[in-house]
Amino acid sequence: MAAGVLNGLTDLGLHLPQDFELISNNSQLTRMTRPAMSSITQPIYDIGAVSMRMLTKLMGHEELDDTQIELMHGFTTRDSTAK
C-alpha cells in the first residue's frame, strides 16, 4: 500500500521526505522503492510462535496466562523520512 502512496505522491510532483514522510512495514519492497522507505520492523517469527502457543492452549481448553503480549519492534530509518 505504501508503494502505491509513493507512486501517487510522485505523480503529483511531491517529494519525500521534503513534502511528505512515508513509513511502511519492513518488506523487501521498502528497500527497492525510490526513495527507499523507512519502516517498522516486527518480529514475524516470534509473532507466529506466540500465536501458535496461544492457539494450542485454547484448542486444549486451557486458560491463557496472558491475553496481551508485547513483543519487541524496531524502526529502520531510510530515505522516505527526515533524519
N, C-alpha and C. Protein backbone atom coordinates (compact mmCIF):
# COMPACT_ATOMS: atom_id res chain seq x y z
N MET A 1 0.82 -1.18 0.00
CA MET A 1 0.00 0.00 0.00
C MET A 1 0.87 1.26 0.00
N ALA A 2 1.92 1.27 0.81
CA ALA A 2 2.77 2.46 0.88
C ALA A 2 3.45 2.73 -0.45
N ALA A 3 3.78 1.67 -1.20
CA ALA A 3 4.40 1.86 -2.52
C ALA A 3 3.42 2.57 -3.45
N GLY A 4 2.15 2.25 -3.36
CA GLY A 4 1.13 2.93 -4.15
C GLY A 4 1.00 4.39 -3.77
N VAL A 5 1.07 4.66 -2.47
CA VAL A 5 1.04 6.05 -2.00
C VAL A 5 2.25 6.80 -2.54
N LEU A 6 3.41 6.16 -2.49
CA LEU A 6 4.63 6.77 -3.02
C LEU A 6 4.47 7.11 -4.50
N ASN A 7 3.91 6.18 -5.28
CA ASN A 7 3.68 6.44 -6.70
C ASN A 7 2.72 7.62 -6.90
N GLY A 8 1.65 7.65 -6.10
CA GLY A 8 0.69 8.75 -6.20
C GLY A 8 1.30 10.09 -5.87
N LEU A 9 2.13 10.13 -4.83
CA LEU A 9 2.79 11.38 -4.46
C LEU A 9 3.74 11.83 -5.56
N THR A 10 4.46 10.87 -6.15
CA THR A 10 5.37 11.19 -7.25
C THR A 10 4.60 11.74 -8.44
N ASP A 11 3.46 11.12 -8.75
CA ASP A 11 2.61 11.60 -9.85
C ASP A 11 2.15 13.04 -9.62
N LEU A 12 1.97 13.40 -8.36
CA LEU A 12 1.54 14.77 -8.02
C LEU A 12 2.71 15.76 -7.95
N GLY A 13 3.91 15.25 -8.19
CA GLY A 13 5.08 16.11 -8.16
C GLY A 13 5.61 16.38 -6.77
N LEU A 14 5.17 15.59 -5.79
CA LEU A 14 5.64 15.76 -4.41
C LEU A 14 6.89 14.90 -4.19
N HIS A 15 7.72 15.32 -3.25
CA HIS A 15 8.98 14.64 -3.00
C HIS A 15 9.06 14.20 -1.54
N LEU A 16 9.66 13.02 -1.33
CA LEU A 16 9.89 12.52 0.02
C LEU A 16 11.35 12.75 0.36
N PRO A 17 11.71 13.14 1.52
CA PRO A 17 10.88 13.49 2.67
C PRO A 17 10.57 14.99 2.75
N GLN A 18 10.91 15.75 1.71
CA GLN A 18 10.73 17.21 1.79
C GLN A 18 9.26 17.59 1.93
N ASP A 19 8.38 17.00 1.12
CA ASP A 19 6.96 17.36 1.14
C ASP A 19 6.12 16.43 2.01
N PHE A 20 6.52 15.18 2.08
CA PHE A 20 5.78 14.14 2.80
C PHE A 20 6.78 13.17 3.40
N GLU A 21 6.43 12.56 4.51
CA GLU A 21 7.23 11.46 5.06
C GLU A 21 6.36 10.21 5.01
N LEU A 22 6.98 9.08 4.68
CA LEU A 22 6.23 7.84 4.49
C LEU A 22 6.94 6.70 5.20
N ILE A 23 6.16 5.90 5.94
CA ILE A 23 6.68 4.75 6.68
C ILE A 23 5.87 3.53 6.28
N SER A 24 6.54 2.39 6.14
CA SER A 24 5.87 1.15 5.74
C SER A 24 6.29 0.03 6.68
N ASN A 25 5.79 -1.18 6.37
CA ASN A 25 6.29 -2.35 7.08
C ASN A 25 7.64 -2.71 6.47
N ASN A 26 8.35 -3.63 7.03
CA ASN A 26 9.71 -3.91 6.59
C ASN A 26 9.76 -5.00 5.53
N SER A 27 8.98 -4.87 4.48
CA SER A 27 9.04 -5.85 3.40
C SER A 27 10.22 -5.53 2.48
N GLN A 28 10.58 -6.47 1.62
CA GLN A 28 11.68 -6.23 0.69
C GLN A 28 11.39 -5.06 -0.23
N LEU A 29 10.11 -4.83 -0.51
CA LEU A 29 9.71 -3.74 -1.39
C LEU A 29 10.16 -2.38 -0.85
N THR A 30 10.22 -2.24 0.46
CA THR A 30 10.59 -0.94 1.04
C THR A 30 12.02 -0.54 0.70
N ARG A 31 12.87 -1.53 0.42
CA ARG A 31 14.25 -1.24 0.06
C ARG A 31 14.42 -1.02 -1.44
N MET A 32 13.42 -1.40 -2.23
CA MET A 32 13.52 -1.29 -3.69
C MET A 32 12.89 -0.02 -4.24
N THR A 33 12.05 0.65 -3.45
CA THR A 33 11.42 1.88 -3.95
C THR A 33 12.44 3.01 -3.95
N ARG A 34 12.15 4.03 -4.69
CA ARG A 34 12.99 5.22 -4.70
C ARG A 34 12.13 6.41 -4.34
N PRO A 35 12.37 7.05 -3.22
CA PRO A 35 13.40 6.72 -2.24
C PRO A 35 13.04 5.47 -1.44
N ALA A 36 14.06 4.83 -0.88
CA ALA A 36 13.82 3.67 -0.02
C ALA A 36 12.99 4.12 1.18
N MET A 37 11.99 3.30 1.56
CA MET A 37 11.06 3.71 2.62
C MET A 37 11.54 3.31 4.01
N SER A 38 11.43 4.23 4.94
CA SER A 38 11.65 3.91 6.35
C SER A 38 10.58 2.90 6.75
N SER A 39 10.89 2.06 7.74
CA SER A 39 9.93 1.01 8.05
C SER A 39 9.94 0.60 9.51
N ILE A 40 8.80 0.06 9.91
CA ILE A 40 8.64 -0.56 11.22
C ILE A 40 9.04 -2.03 11.07
N THR A 41 9.94 -2.49 11.91
CA THR A 41 10.33 -3.90 11.87
C THR A 41 9.58 -4.65 12.96
N GLN A 42 9.08 -5.83 12.59
CA GLN A 42 8.31 -6.65 13.52
C GLN A 42 8.94 -8.04 13.61
N PRO A 43 8.90 -8.65 14.78
CA PRO A 43 9.46 -9.99 14.94
C PRO A 43 8.47 -11.05 14.42
N ILE A 44 8.41 -11.21 13.11
CA ILE A 44 7.41 -12.07 12.47
C ILE A 44 7.46 -13.50 13.01
N TYR A 45 8.65 -14.06 13.15
CA TYR A 45 8.76 -15.43 13.67
C TYR A 45 8.17 -15.51 15.07
N ASP A 46 8.53 -14.57 15.93
CA ASP A 46 8.04 -14.57 17.31
C ASP A 46 6.52 -14.39 17.37
N ILE A 47 5.98 -13.55 16.51
CA ILE A 47 4.52 -13.37 16.46
C ILE A 47 3.85 -14.70 16.14
N GLY A 48 4.38 -15.42 15.17
CA GLY A 48 3.83 -16.73 14.80
C GLY A 48 3.96 -17.74 15.92
N ALA A 49 5.12 -17.77 16.58
CA ALA A 49 5.36 -18.75 17.65
C ALA A 49 4.44 -18.49 18.84
N VAL A 50 4.32 -17.25 19.25
CA VAL A 50 3.44 -16.90 20.38
C VAL A 50 1.99 -17.20 20.03
N SER A 51 1.59 -16.85 18.82
CA SER A 51 0.21 -17.11 18.38
C SER A 51 -0.10 -18.60 18.40
N MET A 52 0.86 -19.41 17.94
CA MET A 52 0.63 -20.86 17.90
C MET A 52 0.52 -21.43 19.31
N ARG A 53 1.36 -20.96 20.23
CA ARG A 53 1.27 -21.43 21.62
C ARG A 53 -0.08 -21.08 22.23
N MET A 54 -0.55 -19.87 21.97
CA MET A 54 -1.85 -19.45 22.50
C MET A 54 -2.98 -20.26 21.89
N LEU A 55 -2.92 -20.47 20.58
CA LEU A 55 -3.95 -21.25 19.89
C LEU A 55 -3.98 -22.69 20.39
N THR A 56 -2.81 -23.27 20.60
CA THR A 56 -2.74 -24.65 21.10
C THR A 56 -3.39 -24.75 22.48
N LYS A 57 -3.13 -23.78 23.34
CA LYS A 57 -3.76 -23.78 24.67
C LYS A 57 -5.28 -23.66 24.55
N LEU A 58 -5.74 -22.75 23.72
CA LEU A 58 -7.18 -22.57 23.55
C LEU A 58 -7.85 -23.82 23.00
N MET A 59 -7.20 -24.47 22.06
CA MET A 59 -7.76 -25.70 21.48
C MET A 59 -7.81 -26.82 22.51
N GLY A 60 -6.88 -26.78 23.48
CA GLY A 60 -6.87 -27.77 24.55
C GLY A 60 -7.71 -27.35 25.74
N HIS A 61 -8.50 -26.30 25.57
CA HIS A 61 -9.38 -25.76 26.62
C HIS A 61 -8.59 -25.36 27.87
N GLU A 62 -7.36 -24.89 27.65
CA GLU A 62 -6.54 -24.40 28.76
C GLU A 62 -6.71 -22.88 28.86
N GLU A 63 -6.44 -22.37 30.04
CA GLU A 63 -6.53 -20.93 30.25
C GLU A 63 -5.23 -20.28 29.80
N LEU A 64 -5.35 -19.13 29.17
CA LEU A 64 -4.17 -18.40 28.73
C LEU A 64 -3.54 -17.66 29.91
N ASP A 65 -2.21 -17.69 29.97
CA ASP A 65 -1.51 -16.95 31.02
C ASP A 65 -1.68 -15.44 30.81
N ASP A 66 -1.56 -15.02 29.56
CA ASP A 66 -1.69 -13.61 29.21
C ASP A 66 -2.58 -13.50 27.97
N THR A 67 -3.40 -12.47 27.94
CA THR A 67 -4.21 -12.24 26.75
C THR A 67 -3.64 -11.11 25.90
N GLN A 68 -2.69 -10.38 26.45
CA GLN A 68 -1.99 -9.34 25.69
C GLN A 68 -0.50 -9.59 25.80
N ILE A 69 0.13 -9.69 24.66
CA ILE A 69 1.57 -9.95 24.60
C ILE A 69 2.22 -8.78 23.88
N GLU A 70 3.31 -8.28 24.42
CA GLU A 70 4.05 -7.21 23.76
C GLU A 70 5.41 -7.74 23.34
N LEU A 71 5.69 -7.65 22.06
CA LEU A 71 6.96 -8.11 21.53
C LEU A 71 7.79 -6.91 21.08
N MET A 72 9.09 -7.09 21.04
CA MET A 72 9.98 -6.01 20.63
C MET A 72 9.74 -5.67 19.16
N HIS A 73 9.90 -4.43 18.83
CA HIS A 73 9.79 -3.96 17.45
C HIS A 73 10.89 -2.94 17.23
N GLY A 74 11.03 -2.51 16.03
CA GLY A 74 12.08 -1.54 15.74
C GLY A 74 11.67 -0.59 14.63
N PHE A 75 12.53 0.37 14.38
CA PHE A 75 12.30 1.34 13.32
C PHE A 75 13.58 1.48 12.51
N THR A 76 13.47 1.32 11.21
CA THR A 76 14.61 1.45 10.32
C THR A 76 14.43 2.74 9.52
N THR A 77 15.33 3.68 9.72
CA THR A 77 15.26 4.95 9.01
C THR A 77 15.91 4.81 7.65
N ARG A 78 15.15 5.16 6.63
CA ARG A 78 15.69 5.19 5.27
C ARG A 78 15.39 6.57 4.69
N ASP A 79 15.30 6.67 3.38
CA ASP A 79 15.24 7.98 2.73
C ASP A 79 13.85 8.62 2.66
N SER A 80 12.80 7.93 3.09
CA SER A 80 11.45 8.49 2.99
C SER A 80 11.05 9.33 4.20
N THR A 81 11.94 9.41 5.18
CA THR A 81 11.69 10.25 6.36
C THR A 81 12.91 11.12 6.62
N ALA A 82 12.67 12.29 7.19
CA ALA A 82 13.77 13.19 7.53
C ALA A 82 14.55 12.59 8.70
N LYS A 83 15.82 12.80 8.70
CA LYS A 83 16.66 12.21 9.76
C LYS A 83 16.92 13.21 10.86
